[in-house]
Protein backbone atom coordinates (compact mmCIF):
# COMPACT_ATOMS: atom_id res chain seq x y z
CA MET A 1 -28.29 -64.19 -146.44
CA THR A 2 -26.68 -61.40 -144.46
CA GLU A 3 -22.93 -61.14 -144.20
CA HIS A 4 -21.14 -59.79 -141.16
CA LEU A 5 -17.56 -60.42 -142.20
CA THR A 6 -15.67 -57.37 -143.29
CA LYS A 7 -14.82 -57.99 -146.92
CA GLY A 8 -11.24 -59.08 -147.50
CA THR A 9 -10.12 -59.01 -143.87
CA GLY A 10 -11.45 -62.27 -142.46
CA MET A 11 -12.61 -60.17 -139.52
CA ALA A 12 -16.15 -59.59 -138.31
CA LYS A 13 -17.58 -56.51 -136.64
CA TYR A 14 -19.53 -56.71 -133.40
CA LEU A 15 -21.60 -54.21 -131.46
CA ILE A 16 -21.07 -54.56 -127.73
CA LEU A 17 -23.96 -53.05 -125.78
CA ILE A 18 -23.44 -52.36 -122.09
CA TYR A 19 -26.62 -52.20 -120.07
CA GLY A 20 -27.52 -51.94 -116.41
CA ASP A 21 -29.42 -50.15 -113.68
CA GLU A 22 -28.86 -46.39 -114.09
CA GLN A 23 -29.72 -45.69 -110.45
CA ARG A 24 -26.93 -48.01 -109.34
CA TRP A 25 -24.50 -46.39 -111.80
CA ASP A 26 -25.46 -42.95 -110.46
CA ALA A 27 -24.83 -44.15 -106.89
CA GLU A 28 -21.24 -45.24 -107.58
CA THR A 29 -18.59 -43.65 -105.42
CA THR A 30 -15.72 -41.71 -106.95
CA ALA A 31 -13.42 -44.66 -106.25
CA GLU A 32 -15.83 -47.15 -107.87
CA ARG A 33 -16.16 -44.93 -110.92
CA ALA A 34 -12.36 -44.55 -111.19
CA ALA A 35 -11.88 -48.33 -110.94
CA LYS A 36 -14.47 -48.85 -113.67
CA GLU A 37 -12.74 -46.29 -115.89
CA ARG A 38 -9.40 -48.10 -115.41
CA ALA A 39 -11.05 -51.39 -116.38
CA HIS A 40 -12.48 -49.79 -119.53
CA ALA A 41 -9.02 -48.43 -120.38
CA ALA A 42 -7.62 -51.96 -120.00
CA PHE A 43 -10.39 -53.27 -122.28
CA ARG A 44 -9.54 -50.64 -124.91
CA ASP A 45 -5.84 -51.49 -124.66
CA ALA A 46 -6.57 -55.22 -125.05
CA ALA A 47 -8.80 -54.57 -128.08
CA GLY A 48 -6.12 -52.43 -129.73
CA ALA A 49 -6.73 -51.61 -133.38
CA GLY A 50 -9.80 -53.88 -133.35
CA LEU A 51 -11.68 -51.26 -131.36
CA LEU A 52 -13.43 -49.16 -134.00
CA GLY A 53 -15.36 -46.87 -131.68
CA GLY A 54 -17.44 -46.57 -128.57
CA HIS A 55 -19.00 -44.14 -126.15
CA GLU A 56 -20.69 -43.87 -122.81
CA LEU A 57 -24.26 -42.65 -123.25
CA GLU A 58 -26.24 -40.05 -121.35
CA ALA A 59 -29.11 -41.31 -119.16
CA ALA A 60 -32.10 -42.91 -120.88
CA SER A 61 -34.23 -40.00 -119.64
CA THR A 62 -32.40 -37.78 -122.18
CA ALA A 63 -33.39 -40.01 -125.11
CA THR A 64 -35.82 -39.05 -127.84
CA THR A 65 -37.69 -41.80 -129.64
CA LEU A 66 -39.27 -41.54 -133.09
CA ARG A 67 -42.47 -43.49 -133.67
CA ALA A 68 -44.79 -43.67 -136.63
CA GLY A 69 -47.79 -45.64 -137.73
CA THR A 70 -48.09 -47.06 -141.22
CA GLY A 71 -47.94 -44.14 -143.64
CA ALA A 72 -47.74 -41.59 -140.82
CA ALA A 73 -45.01 -39.05 -140.29
CA PRO A 74 -42.61 -39.89 -137.44
CA THR A 75 -43.42 -38.21 -134.15
CA PRO A 76 -40.69 -37.63 -131.54
CA THR A 77 -41.41 -38.55 -127.93
CA ASP A 78 -39.29 -38.05 -124.84
CA GLY A 79 -37.57 -40.99 -123.23
CA PRO A 80 -36.68 -44.49 -124.26
CA PHE A 81 -38.94 -46.70 -126.34
CA LEU A 82 -39.43 -49.29 -123.61
CA GLU A 83 -39.95 -48.90 -119.88
CA THR A 84 -37.31 -51.18 -118.34
CA LYS A 85 -35.18 -51.26 -115.23
CA GLU A 86 -32.07 -51.66 -117.36
CA ALA A 87 -30.85 -49.09 -119.85
CA ILE A 88 -28.08 -49.00 -122.42
CA GLY A 89 -25.21 -47.13 -120.79
CA GLY A 90 -22.64 -47.36 -123.55
CA PHE A 91 -21.33 -49.30 -126.49
CA TYR A 92 -18.25 -50.37 -128.39
CA VAL A 93 -17.82 -51.36 -132.02
CA LEU A 94 -15.23 -54.10 -132.24
CA GLU A 95 -13.57 -55.94 -135.09
CA ALA A 96 -12.49 -59.47 -134.20
CA PRO A 97 -11.63 -62.70 -136.01
CA ASP A 98 -14.72 -64.46 -134.64
CA LEU A 99 -17.39 -64.43 -131.93
CA ASP A 100 -15.14 -66.30 -129.48
CA ALA A 101 -12.54 -63.53 -129.70
CA ALA A 102 -15.22 -60.86 -129.26
CA LEU A 103 -16.60 -62.70 -126.22
CA ALA A 104 -13.14 -63.01 -124.70
CA LEU A 105 -12.60 -59.26 -124.99
CA ALA A 106 -16.11 -58.36 -123.81
CA SER A 107 -15.64 -60.56 -120.73
CA ARG A 108 -13.09 -57.96 -119.51
CA LEU A 109 -15.76 -55.27 -119.12
CA PRO A 110 -16.28 -54.29 -115.47
CA GLU A 111 -20.06 -54.12 -115.72
CA LEU A 112 -20.14 -57.92 -115.79
CA ARG A 113 -18.98 -57.97 -112.18
CA SER A 114 -21.33 -55.27 -110.87
CA GLY A 115 -24.27 -57.55 -110.12
CA HIS A 116 -26.80 -55.42 -112.00
CA ALA A 117 -25.48 -55.08 -115.53
CA GLY A 118 -24.81 -57.13 -118.61
CA VAL A 119 -23.14 -57.00 -121.97
CA GLU A 120 -24.77 -57.98 -125.26
CA ILE A 121 -22.58 -58.85 -128.25
CA ARG A 122 -24.22 -58.72 -131.68
CA PRO A 123 -22.69 -59.25 -135.11
CA ILE A 124 -22.92 -56.25 -137.42
CA VAL A 125 -24.25 -56.88 -140.91
CA GLU A 126 -21.90 -55.56 -143.58
CA HIS A 127 -23.63 -54.65 -146.83
CA GLY A 128 -21.34 -54.80 -149.79
């Protein structure tokens, strides 16, 4: 059985993945981008010390993917692994008492109101 609670704290860690349509993100006006940045600052403030890290990511076109067959050496290829309309645009690592608390914080992210993006929350497995 995997364990995602941080030992001794009663807190769990969650990865929050922010995904959406990169073309729509690129088309944002300066004002839209500034409003989104303010909303992310409010999210970070609300998360407080529970926010363990996070970053906006460069476009998926800048990604390099490693692939290998059984017993073969990994070979790098340009671009993301899957061809999709949506791409991961950023992430946060959050420590929270439970999934409900993580969901409440993640619901503050502005991408949820953009009409083309979503947020995935996944427990992180802690190996002891």
